[in-house]
Amino acid sequence: MNRIYLCLAHMSDAGLEQKYIKEAFDTNWVVPLGPNVNGFEKDLEDFVNDNNNPSTETGKLSKRVVALFSGTAAVHLALIACGVQPGDEVCVQSFTFCASSHPITYLGATPVFIDSEPDTWNMDPDLLEEAIKDRIAKTGRKPKAIIPVALYGMPYRIDRIMEIADRYDIPVIEDLAAECGYRCRAD
C-alpha cells in the first residue's frame, strides 16, 4: 500500500531552514517573536503594499501585517477587525475544521453554517445567498461576516462569494490555513 502525503514538508537544497532554526536557538528567540518574525512581517507588508500605496488619510502604508501563532488566532482577530460582537451572526461553511467556527463563539456570536457545493466541498455560493436572505428576513439583520475555507487546498468560488458579499456589504474573512495564510477582505 503506497501512502500519498497531502502536504509534504521539504527543506531547500541550500539548507537555509536549518540555518535559521539554529540561529533562533543560538539567539534564544525560540518563542514566536524576534528578528526573524519581525523581518518576515516587514517583508510581507512591503510586498502586500508594493511600497507605492500609502493611505491618502495617514500617509502610511495602507495594509499592516501581523504574524500570529495559530490560524484560530488569525480568524479571531479578523472577526474583531470586522466588528463582530455578541449576538451577531457569521456565515461559515459547514464542512471545515473547528478553528473556522470557534472564534465566532469566542466573541459571543453565532455561526450560521452554509453547506458545501459538490465540486469543491467548499461553501456553496447559492446557499450562502439563501442564508443571508433568510437571516435578514428572520432577524432583520444581515450576517456580520462570511468565512469561506479553502478546504484541503481546494479553492472555493471566491469571485461568486465576493459578488454576494459586495451586494449585501458583508466583509469576507478568507480562511486559507491550508494555504498558509488568512486575509480579511473588508476593504
C-alpha atoms as a PDB file:
ATOM      1  CA  MET A   1       0.000   0.000   0.000  1.00  0.00           C
ATOM      2  CA  ASN A   2       1.510   3.326  -1.099  1.00  0.00           C
ATOM      3  CA  ARG A   3       0.946   6.418   1.032  1.00  0.00           C
ATOM      4  CA  ILE A   4       0.020   9.633  -0.661  1.00  0.00           C
ATOM      5  CA  TYR A   5       1.003  12.598   1.504  1.00  0.00           C
ATOM      6  CA  LEU A   6      -1.255  15.613   1.089  1.00  0.00           C
ATOM      7  CA  CYS A   7       1.329  18.119   2.287  1.00  0.00           C
ATOM      8  CA  LEU A   8       4.990  17.216   2.323  1.00  0.00           C
ATOM      9  CA  ALA A   9       7.353  19.314   4.413  1.00  0.00           C
ATOM     10  CA  HIS A  10      10.522  19.871   2.468  1.00  0.00           C
ATOM     11  CA  MET A  11      13.799  21.648   3.043  1.00  0.00           C
ATOM     12  CA  SER A  12      15.503  23.820   0.475  1.00  0.00           C
ATOM     13  CA  ASP A  13      18.547  22.423  -1.263  1.00  0.00           C
ATOM     14  CA  ALA A  14      20.622  25.202   0.327  1.00  0.00           C
ATOM     15  CA  GLY A  15      19.598  24.102   3.843  1.00  0.00           C
ATOM     16  CA  LEU A  16      18.520  27.600   4.852  1.00  0.00           C
ATOM     17  CA  GLU A  17      15.787  26.295   7.169  1.00  0.00           C
ATOM     18  CA  GLN A  18      18.298  24.592   9.446  1.00  0.00           C
ATOM     19  CA  LYS A  19      20.459  27.734   9.446  1.00  0.00           C
ATOM     20  CA  TYR A  20      17.531  29.848  10.670  1.00  0.00           C
ATOM     21  CA  ILE A  21      16.448  27.247  13.232  1.00  0.00           C
ATOM     22  CA  LYS A  22      19.997  27.186  14.626  1.00  0.00           C
ATOM     23  CA  GLU A  23      20.067  30.998  14.625  1.00  0.00           C
ATOM     24  CA  ALA A  24      16.791  31.099  16.597  1.00  0.00           C
ATOM     25  CA  PHE A  25      18.218  28.737  19.234  1.00  0.00           C
ATOM     26  CA  ASP A  26      21.605  30.490  19.339  1.00  0.00           C
ATOM     27  CA  THR A  27      19.979  33.890  19.913  1.00  0.00           C
ATOM     28  CA  ASN A  28      17.327  32.486  22.301  1.00  0.00           C
ATOM     29  CA  TRP A  29      14.428  33.644  20.094  1.00  0.00           C
ATOM     30  CA  VAL A  30      12.554  30.318  20.145  1.00  0.00           C
ATOM     31  CA  VAL A  31       9.228  31.881  21.156  1.00  0.00           C
ATOM     32  CA  PRO A  32       7.061  33.392  18.408  1.00  0.00           C
ATOM     33  CA  LEU A  33       8.923  36.707  18.487  1.00  0.00           C
ATOM     34  CA  GLY A  34      12.234  38.105  17.428  1.00  0.00           C
ATOM     35  CA  PRO A  35      14.116  39.461  14.470  1.00  0.00           C
ATOM     36  CA  ASN A  36      13.139  36.678  12.041  1.00  0.00           C
ATOM     37  CA  VAL A  37       9.425  37.198  12.710  1.00  0.00           C
ATOM     38  CA  ASN A  38       9.827  40.982  12.544  1.00  0.00           C
ATOM     39  CA  GLY A  39      11.677  40.639   9.232  1.00  0.00           C
ATOM     40  CA  PHE A  40       9.028  38.301   7.841  1.00  0.00           C
ATOM     41  CA  GLU A  41       6.234  40.724   8.802  1.00  0.00           C
ATOM     42  CA  LYS A  42       8.087  43.676   7.242  1.00  0.00           C
ATOM     43  CA  ASP A  43       8.916  41.823   4.015  1.00  0.00           C
ATOM     44  CA  LEU A  44       5.335  40.623   3.636  1.00  0.00           C
ATOM     45  CA  GLU A  45       3.949  44.075   4.434  1.00  0.00           C
ATOM     46  CA  ASP A  46       6.228  45.633   1.810  1.00  0.00           C
ATOM     47  CA  PHE A  47       5.115  43.006  -0.732  1.00  0.00           C
ATOM     48  CA  VAL A  48       1.405  43.500   0.030  1.00  0.00           C
ATOM     49  CA  ASN A  49       1.654  47.279  -0.138  1.00  0.00           C
ATOM     50  CA  ASP A  50       4.101  47.359  -3.038  1.00  0.00           C
ATOM     51  CA  ASN A  51       5.633  50.376  -1.234  1.00  0.00           C
ATOM     52  CA  ASN A  52       3.641  52.662  -3.540  1.00  0.00           C
ATOM     53  CA  ASN A  53       0.204  52.516  -1.950  1.00  0.00           C
ATOM     54  CA  PRO A  54       0.151  54.855   1.052  1.00  0.00           C
ATOM     55  CA  SER A  55      -3.167  55.620   2.636  1.00  0.00           C
ATOM     56  CA  THR A  56      -4.295  59.060   1.483  1.00  0.00           C
ATOM     57  CA  GLU A  57      -5.525  59.892   5.003  1.00  0.00           C
ATOM     58  CA  THR A  58      -2.433  58.978   7.039  1.00  0.00           C
ATOM     59  CA  GLY A  59       0.396  58.835   4.527  1.00  0.00           C
ATOM     60  CA  LYS A  60       1.265  55.420   5.994  1.00  0.00           C
ATOM     61  CA  LEU A  61       1.149  52.044   4.310  1.00  0.00           C
ATOM     62  CA  SER A  62      -2.450  51.019   3.704  1.00  0.00           C
ATOM     63  CA  LYS A  63      -2.110  47.396   4.872  1.00  0.00           C
ATOM     64  CA  ARG A  64      -0.445  46.077   8.029  1.00  0.00           C
ATOM     65  CA  VAL A  65       0.847  42.513   8.540  1.00  0.00           C
ATOM     66  CA  VAL A  66       0.963  40.629  11.836  1.00  0.00           C
ATOM     67  CA  ALA A  67       2.278  37.072  12.197  1.00  0.00           C
ATOM     68  CA  LEU A  68       0.293  35.042  14.721  1.00  0.00           C
ATOM     69  CA  PHE A  69       0.891  31.722  16.435  1.00  0.00           C
ATOM     70  CA  SER A  70      -2.184  29.988  15.002  1.00  0.00           C
ATOM     71  CA  GLY A  71      -4.824  30.198  12.322  1.00  0.00           C
ATOM     72  CA  THR A  72      -7.503  30.252  15.022  1.00  0.00           C
ATOM     73  CA  ALA A  73      -5.954  33.426  16.440  1.00  0.00           C
ATOM     74  CA  ALA A  74      -5.918  34.934  12.948  1.00  0.00           C
ATOM     75  CA  VAL A  75      -9.627  34.249  12.410  1.00  0.00           C
ATOM     76  CA  HIS A  76     -10.361  35.596  15.901  1.00  0.00           C
ATOM     77  CA  LEU A  77      -8.550  38.890  15.218  1.00  0.00           C
ATOM     78  CA  ALA A  78     -10.100  39.198  11.759  1.00  0.00           C
ATOM     79  CA  LEU A  79     -13.564  38.834  13.314  1.00  0.00           C
ATOM     80  CA  ILE A  80     -12.723  41.556  15.843  1.00  0.00           C
ATOM     81  CA  ALA A  81     -11.451  43.763  12.989  1.00  0.00           C
ATOM     82  CA  CYS A  82     -14.791  43.201  11.229  1.00  0.00           C
ATOM     83  CA  GLY A  83     -16.646  44.377  14.352  1.00  0.00           C
ATOM     84  CA  VAL A  84     -18.213  41.023  15.305  1.00  0.00           C
ATOM     85  CA  GLN A  85     -19.829  41.240  18.760  1.00  0.00           C
ATOM     86  CA  PRO A  86     -22.111  39.156  20.990  1.00  0.00           C
ATOM     87  CA  GLY A  87     -25.430  38.473  19.273  1.00  0.00           C
ATOM     88  CA  ASP A  88     -24.057  38.849  15.751  1.00  0.00           C
ATOM     89  CA  GLU A  89     -24.179  36.045  13.192  1.00  0.00           C
ATOM     90  CA  VAL A  90     -21.317  34.944  10.941  1.00  0.00           C
ATOM     91  CA  CYS A  91     -21.659  32.682   7.889  1.00  0.00           C
ATOM     92  CA  VAL A  92     -19.116  29.853   7.793  1.00  0.00           C
ATOM     93  CA  GLN A  93     -19.068  26.679   5.754  1.00  0.00           C
ATOM     94  CA  SER A  94     -20.289  23.542   7.479  1.00  0.00           C
ATOM     95  CA  PHE A  95     -17.547  21.215   6.237  1.00  0.00           C
ATOM     96  CA  THR A  96     -14.412  22.607   7.844  1.00  0.00           C
ATOM     97  CA  PHE A  97     -12.250  22.482  10.941  1.00  0.00           C
ATOM     98  CA  CYS A  98     -13.409  23.852  14.284  1.00  0.00           C
ATOM     99  CA  ALA A  99     -10.818  26.635  14.032  1.00  0.00           C
ATOM    100  CA  SER A 100     -13.060  28.301  11.443  1.00  0.00           C
ATOM    101  CA  SER A 101     -16.096  28.439  13.728  1.00  0.00           C
ATOM    102  CA  HIS A 102     -14.795  28.507  17.317  1.00  0.00           C
ATOM    103  CA  PRO A 103     -13.570  32.126  17.151  1.00  0.00           C
ATOM    104  CA  ILE A 104     -17.127  33.143  16.256  1.00  0.00           C
ATOM    105  CA  THR A 105     -18.408  31.680  19.527  1.00  0.00           C
ATOM    106  CA  TYR A 106     -15.437  33.143  21.472  1.00  0.00           C
ATOM    107  CA  LEU A 107     -16.934  36.530  20.667  1.00  0.00           C
ATOM    108  CA  GLY A 108     -20.465  35.528  21.708  1.00  0.00           C
ATOM    109  CA  ALA A 109     -21.622  35.475  18.094  1.00  0.00           C
ATOM    110  CA  THR A 110     -23.450  32.633  16.364  1.00  0.00           C
ATOM    111  CA  PRO A 111     -22.119  30.646  13.417  1.00  0.00           C
ATOM    112  CA  VAL A 112     -24.552  30.201  10.544  1.00  0.00           C
ATOM    113  CA  PHE A 113     -23.361  27.063   8.781  1.00  0.00           C
ATOM    114  CA  ILE A 114     -23.522  27.031   4.992  1.00  0.00           C
ATOM    115  CA  ASP A 115     -23.471  23.660   3.238  1.00  0.00           C
ATOM    116  CA  SER A 116     -20.928  22.704   0.589  1.00  0.00           C
ATOM    117  CA  GLU A 117     -21.105  22.539  -3.157  1.00  0.00           C
ATOM    118  CA  PRO A 118     -20.377  19.074  -4.572  1.00  0.00           C
ATOM    119  CA  ASP A 119     -17.457  20.060  -6.819  1.00  0.00           C
ATOM    120  CA  THR A 120     -15.131  21.642  -4.239  1.00  0.00           C
ATOM    121  CA  TRP A 121     -16.704  20.619  -0.911  1.00  0.00           C
ATOM    122  CA  ASN A 122     -16.455  24.305  -0.008  1.00  0.00           C
ATOM    123  CA  MET A 123     -19.095  26.934   0.709  1.00  0.00           C
ATOM    124  CA  ASP A 124     -21.896  26.879  -1.843  1.00  0.00           C
ATOM    125  CA  PRO A 125     -22.420  30.478  -3.016  1.00  0.00           C
ATOM    126  CA  ASP A 126     -26.092  29.879  -3.844  1.00  0.00           C
ATOM    127  CA  LEU A 127     -26.757  28.501  -0.362  1.00  0.00           C
ATOM    128  CA  LEU A 128     -24.800  31.417   1.101  1.00  0.00           C
ATOM    129  CA  GLU A 129     -27.102  33.919  -0.549  1.00  0.00           C
ATOM    130  CA  GLU A 130     -30.174  31.963   0.561  1.00  0.00           C
ATOM    131  CA  ALA A 131     -28.867  32.021   4.148  1.00  0.00           C
ATOM    132  CA  ILE A 132     -28.213  35.767   4.029  1.00  0.00           C
ATOM    133  CA  LYS A 133     -31.735  36.428   2.783  1.00  0.00           C
ATOM    134  CA  ASP A 134     -33.135  34.067   5.438  1.00  0.00           C
ATOM    135  CA  ARG A 135     -31.235  35.786   8.285  1.00  0.00           C
ATOM    136  CA  ILE A 136     -32.351  39.239   7.117  1.00  0.00           C
ATOM    137  CA  ALA A 137     -35.969  38.053   6.872  1.00  0.00           C
ATOM    138  CA  LYS A 138     -35.926  36.342  10.285  1.00  0.00           C
ATOM    139  CA  THR A 139     -33.759  38.720  12.328  1.00  0.00           C
ATOM    140  CA  GLY A 140     -33.864  41.986  10.412  1.00  0.00           C
ATOM    141  CA  ARG A 141     -30.047  41.946  10.339  1.00  0.00           C
ATOM    142  CA  LYS A 142     -27.522  40.665   7.857  1.00  0.00           C
ATOM    143  CA  PRO A 143     -24.643  38.429   8.992  1.00  0.00           C
ATOM    144  CA  LYS A 144     -21.635  40.401  10.232  1.00  0.00           C
ATOM    145  CA  ALA A 145     -19.048  38.431   8.197  1.00  0.00           C
ATOM    146  CA  ILE A 146     -18.582  35.478   5.840  1.00  0.00           C
ATOM    147  CA  ILE A 147     -15.815  32.884   6.312  1.00  0.00           C
ATOM    148  CA  PRO A 148     -15.214  30.605   3.315  1.00  0.00           C
ATOM    149  CA  VAL A 149     -12.492  27.977   3.798  1.00  0.00           C
ATOM    150  CA  ALA A 150     -10.020  26.629   1.238  1.00  0.00           C
ATOM    151  CA  LEU A 151     -10.518  23.087   2.473  1.00  0.00           C
ATOM    152  CA  TYR A 152      -7.678  20.675   1.655  1.00  0.00           C
ATOM    153  CA  GLY A 153      -6.171  23.344  -0.580  1.00  0.00           C
ATOM    154  CA  MET A 154      -9.205  23.282  -2.895  1.00  0.00           C
ATOM    155  CA  PRO A 155     -10.126  26.825  -3.943  1.00  0.00           C
ATOM    156  CA  TYR A 156     -13.647  27.986  -3.305  1.00  0.00           C
ATOM    157  CA  ARG A 157     -15.634  30.167  -5.695  1.00  0.00           C
ATOM    158  CA  ILE A 158     -14.306  33.452  -4.314  1.00  0.00           C
ATOM    159  CA  ASP A 159     -15.482  35.576  -7.251  1.00  0.00           C
ATOM    160  CA  ARG A 160     -19.079  34.487  -6.700  1.00  0.00           C
ATOM    161  CA  ILE A 161     -18.791  34.745  -2.892  1.00  0.00           C
ATOM    162  CA  MET A 162     -17.317  38.269  -3.165  1.00  0.00           C
ATOM    163  CA  GLU A 163     -20.080  39.261  -5.592  1.00  0.00           C
ATOM    164  CA  ILE A 164     -22.671  38.211  -2.986  1.00  0.00           C
ATOM    165  CA  ALA A 165     -20.728  39.784  -0.100  1.00  0.00           C
ATOM    166  CA  ASP A 166     -20.414  43.070  -2.016  1.00  0.00           C
ATOM    167  CA  ARG A 167     -24.115  43.073  -2.831  1.00  0.00           C
ATOM    168  CA  TYR A 168     -25.001  42.812   0.871  1.00  0.00           C
ATOM    169  CA  ASP A 169     -21.978  44.815   2.099  1.00  0.00           C
ATOM    170  CA  ILE A 170     -20.656  41.958   4.275  1.00  0.00           C
ATOM    171  CA  PRO A 171     -16.901  41.553   4.875  1.00  0.00           C
ATOM    172  CA  VAL A 172     -15.247  38.271   3.903  1.00  0.00           C
ATOM    173  CA  ILE A 173     -12.573  36.614   6.035  1.00  0.00           C
ATOM    174  CA  GLU A 174     -10.796  34.123   3.810  1.00  0.00           C
ATOM    175  CA  ASP A 175      -9.671  31.098   5.824  1.00  0.00           C
ATOM    176  CA  LEU A 176      -6.641  29.941   3.889  1.00  0.00           C
ATOM    177  CA  ALA A 177      -4.998  27.931   6.679  1.00  0.00           C
ATOM    178  CA  ALA A 178      -4.439  25.038   4.296  1.00  0.00           C
ATOM    179  CA  GLU A 179      -2.846  27.623   2.009  1.00  0.00           C
ATOM    180  CA  CYS A 180      -0.793  29.077   4.914  1.00  0.00           C
ATOM    181  CA  GLY A 181      -2.494  32.425   5.389  1.00  0.00           C
ATOM    182  CA  TYR A 182      -5.548  34.472   6.235  1.00  0.00           C
ATOM    183  CA  ARG A 183      -6.905  37.568   4.605  1.00  0.00           C
ATOM    184  CA  CYS A 184      -9.678  39.811   5.779  1.00  0.00           C
ATOM    185  CA  ARG A 185     -11.289  41.301   2.683  1.00  0.00           C
ATOM    186  CA  ALA A 186     -13.206  44.129   4.249  1.00  0.00           C
ATOM    187  CA  ASP A 187     -11.809  46.917   2.081  1.00  0.00           C
END
